[in-house]
């Protein structure tokens, strides 16, 4: 049975997707995980409020697994433009 990754939508709901298989899917997951972890860090430091619930542990797991496979997140300014732009 495949592991399931929990992904946060803009509405703050959780959807389940099969773990990434293609390089494109892994790159997207690594980018999303980095962005969500930075979002959660900003919330913890009081820089922002509200927004979706971030499953930080799962995001960190996916980011680490992607890095082990050779994937690196895009620069943060590109991620902000992509996800908030």
C-alpha atoms as a PDB file:
ATOM      1  CA  UNK A   1       0.000   0.000   0.000  1.00  0.00           C
ATOM      2  CA  UNK A   2       1.307   3.440  -0.905  1.00  0.00           C
ATOM      3  CA  UNK A   3       1.972   6.060   1.722  1.00  0.00           C
ATOM      4  CA  UNK A   4      -0.373   9.009   1.433  1.00  0.00           C
ATOM      5  CA  UNK A   5       0.780  12.608   1.532  1.00  0.00           C
ATOM      6  CA  UNK A   6      -1.499  15.163   3.178  1.00  0.00           C
ATOM      7  CA  UNK A   7      -1.669  18.353   1.154  1.00  0.00           C
ATOM      8  CA  UNK A   8      -3.296  21.590   2.302  1.00  0.00           C
ATOM      9  CA  UNK A   9      -5.551  23.407  -0.141  1.00  0.00           C
ATOM     10  CA  UNK A  10      -6.142  27.156  -0.147  1.00  0.00           C
ATOM     11  CA  UNK A  11      -9.435  26.531   1.661  1.00  0.00           C
ATOM     12  CA  UNK A  12      -7.577  24.788   4.488  1.00  0.00           C
ATOM     13  CA  UNK A  13      -8.979  21.337   3.785  1.00  0.00           C
ATOM     14  CA  UNK A  14      -6.914  18.177   3.580  1.00  0.00           C
ATOM     15  CA  UNK A  15      -6.809  16.048   0.455  1.00  0.00           C
ATOM     16  CA  UNK A  16      -4.875  12.809   0.129  1.00  0.00           C
ATOM     17  CA  UNK A  17      -2.686  12.014  -2.830  1.00  0.00           C
ATOM     18  CA  UNK A  18      -0.448   9.043  -3.553  1.00  0.00           C
ATOM     19  CA  UNK A  19       3.212   9.724  -2.817  1.00  0.00           C
ATOM     20  CA  UNK A  20       4.906  11.366  -5.812  1.00  0.00           C
ATOM     21  CA  UNK A  21       6.336   9.101  -8.475  1.00  0.00           C
ATOM     22  CA  UNK A  22       7.594  11.325 -11.284  1.00  0.00           C
ATOM     23  CA  UNK A  23      10.369  13.922 -11.094  1.00  0.00           C
ATOM     24  CA  UNK A  24       7.807  16.660 -11.803  1.00  0.00           C
ATOM     25  CA  UNK A  25       5.597  15.512  -8.938  1.00  0.00           C
ATOM     26  CA  UNK A  26       8.561  15.365  -6.547  1.00  0.00           C
ATOM     27  CA  UNK A  27       9.663  18.879  -7.514  1.00  0.00           C
ATOM     28  CA  UNK A  28       6.161  20.199  -6.877  1.00  0.00           C
ATOM     29  CA  UNK A  29       5.977  18.453  -3.492  1.00  0.00           C
ATOM     30  CA  UNK A  30       9.409  19.750  -2.441  1.00  0.00           C
ATOM     31  CA  UNK A  31       8.391  23.291  -3.438  1.00  0.00           C
ATOM     32  CA  UNK A  32       5.063  23.082  -1.611  1.00  0.00           C
ATOM     33  CA  UNK A  33       6.659  21.578   1.496  1.00  0.00           C
ATOM     34  CA  UNK A  34       9.268  24.343   1.684  1.00  0.00           C
ATOM     35  CA  UNK A  35       6.638  27.040   1.213  1.00  0.00           C
ATOM     36  CA  UNK A  36       4.295  25.551   3.822  1.00  0.00           C
ATOM     37  CA  UNK A  37       7.080  25.124   6.381  1.00  0.00           C
ATOM     38  CA  UNK A  38       8.119  28.757   5.917  1.00  0.00           C
ATOM     39  CA  UNK A  39       4.481  29.815   6.217  1.00  0.00           C
ATOM     40  CA  UNK A  40       4.148  27.901   9.472  1.00  0.00           C
ATOM     41  CA  UNK A  41       7.398  29.383  10.820  1.00  0.00           C
ATOM     42  CA  UNK A  42       6.108  32.875  10.075  1.00  0.00           C
ATOM     43  CA  UNK A  43       2.889  32.079  11.916  1.00  0.00           C
ATOM     44  CA  UNK A  44       4.785  30.739  14.950  1.00  0.00           C
ATOM     45  CA  UNK A  45       6.891  33.910  15.110  1.00  0.00           C
ATOM     46  CA  UNK A  46       3.736  36.020  14.981  1.00  0.00           C
ATOM     47  CA  UNK A  47       4.516  37.535  11.587  1.00  0.00           C
ATOM     48  CA  UNK A  48       1.226  36.325  10.091  1.00  0.00           C
ATOM     49  CA  UNK A  49      -2.082  35.028  11.396  1.00  0.00           C
ATOM     50  CA  UNK A  50      -4.732  32.800   9.886  1.00  0.00           C
ATOM     51  CA  UNK A  51      -4.330  30.738   6.774  1.00  0.00           C
ATOM     52  CA  UNK A  52      -4.460  26.991   6.279  1.00  0.00           C
ATOM     53  CA  UNK A  53      -3.395  24.503   8.907  1.00  0.00           C
ATOM     54  CA  UNK A  54       0.056  23.235   8.011  1.00  0.00           C
ATOM     55  CA  UNK A  55       0.973  19.658   8.802  1.00  0.00           C
ATOM     56  CA  UNK A  56       4.601  20.605   9.454  1.00  0.00           C
ATOM     57  CA  UNK A  57       5.798  17.115  10.354  1.00  0.00           C
ATOM     58  CA  UNK A  58       4.531  15.651   7.082  1.00  0.00           C
ATOM     59  CA  UNK A  59       5.838  18.607   5.075  1.00  0.00           C
ATOM     60  CA  UNK A  60       9.277  18.146   6.653  1.00  0.00           C
ATOM     61  CA  UNK A  61       9.197  14.412   5.881  1.00  0.00           C
ATOM     62  CA  UNK A  62       8.368  15.058   2.239  1.00  0.00           C
ATOM     63  CA  UNK A  63      10.990  17.789   1.941  1.00  0.00           C
ATOM     64  CA  UNK A  64      13.672  15.510   3.423  1.00  0.00           C
ATOM     65  CA  UNK A  65      12.668  12.564   1.228  1.00  0.00           C
ATOM     66  CA  UNK A  66      12.757  14.794  -1.854  1.00  0.00           C
ATOM     67  CA  UNK A  67      16.202  16.086  -0.905  1.00  0.00           C
ATOM     68  CA  UNK A  68      17.435  12.497  -0.487  1.00  0.00           C
ATOM     69  CA  UNK A  69      16.255  11.881  -4.039  1.00  0.00           C
ATOM     70  CA  UNK A  70      18.154  14.952  -5.280  1.00  0.00           C
ATOM     71  CA  UNK A  71      15.378  17.547  -5.426  1.00  0.00           C
ATOM     72  CA  UNK A  72      15.870  21.076  -4.081  1.00  0.00           C
ATOM     73  CA  UNK A  73      13.114  23.648  -3.582  1.00  0.00           C
ATOM     74  CA  UNK A  74      12.991  26.676  -5.847  1.00  0.00           C
ATOM     75  CA  UNK A  75      14.139  30.011  -4.374  1.00  0.00           C
ATOM     76  CA  UNK A  76      11.669  31.351  -1.837  1.00  0.00           C
ATOM     77  CA  UNK A  77      10.813  34.485  -3.858  1.00  0.00           C
ATOM     78  CA  UNK A  78       9.691  32.257  -6.741  1.00  0.00           C
ATOM     79  CA  UNK A  79       7.608  30.146  -4.368  1.00  0.00           C
ATOM     80  CA  UNK A  80       5.896  33.252  -2.954  1.00  0.00           C
ATOM     81  CA  UNK A  81       5.111  34.465  -6.470  1.00  0.00           C
ATOM     82  CA  UNK A  82       3.808  31.043  -7.463  1.00  0.00           C
ATOM     83  CA  UNK A  83       1.630  30.350  -4.437  1.00  0.00           C
ATOM     84  CA  UNK A  84       0.549  33.870  -3.531  1.00  0.00           C
ATOM     85  CA  UNK A  85       1.146  35.816  -6.725  1.00  0.00           C
END
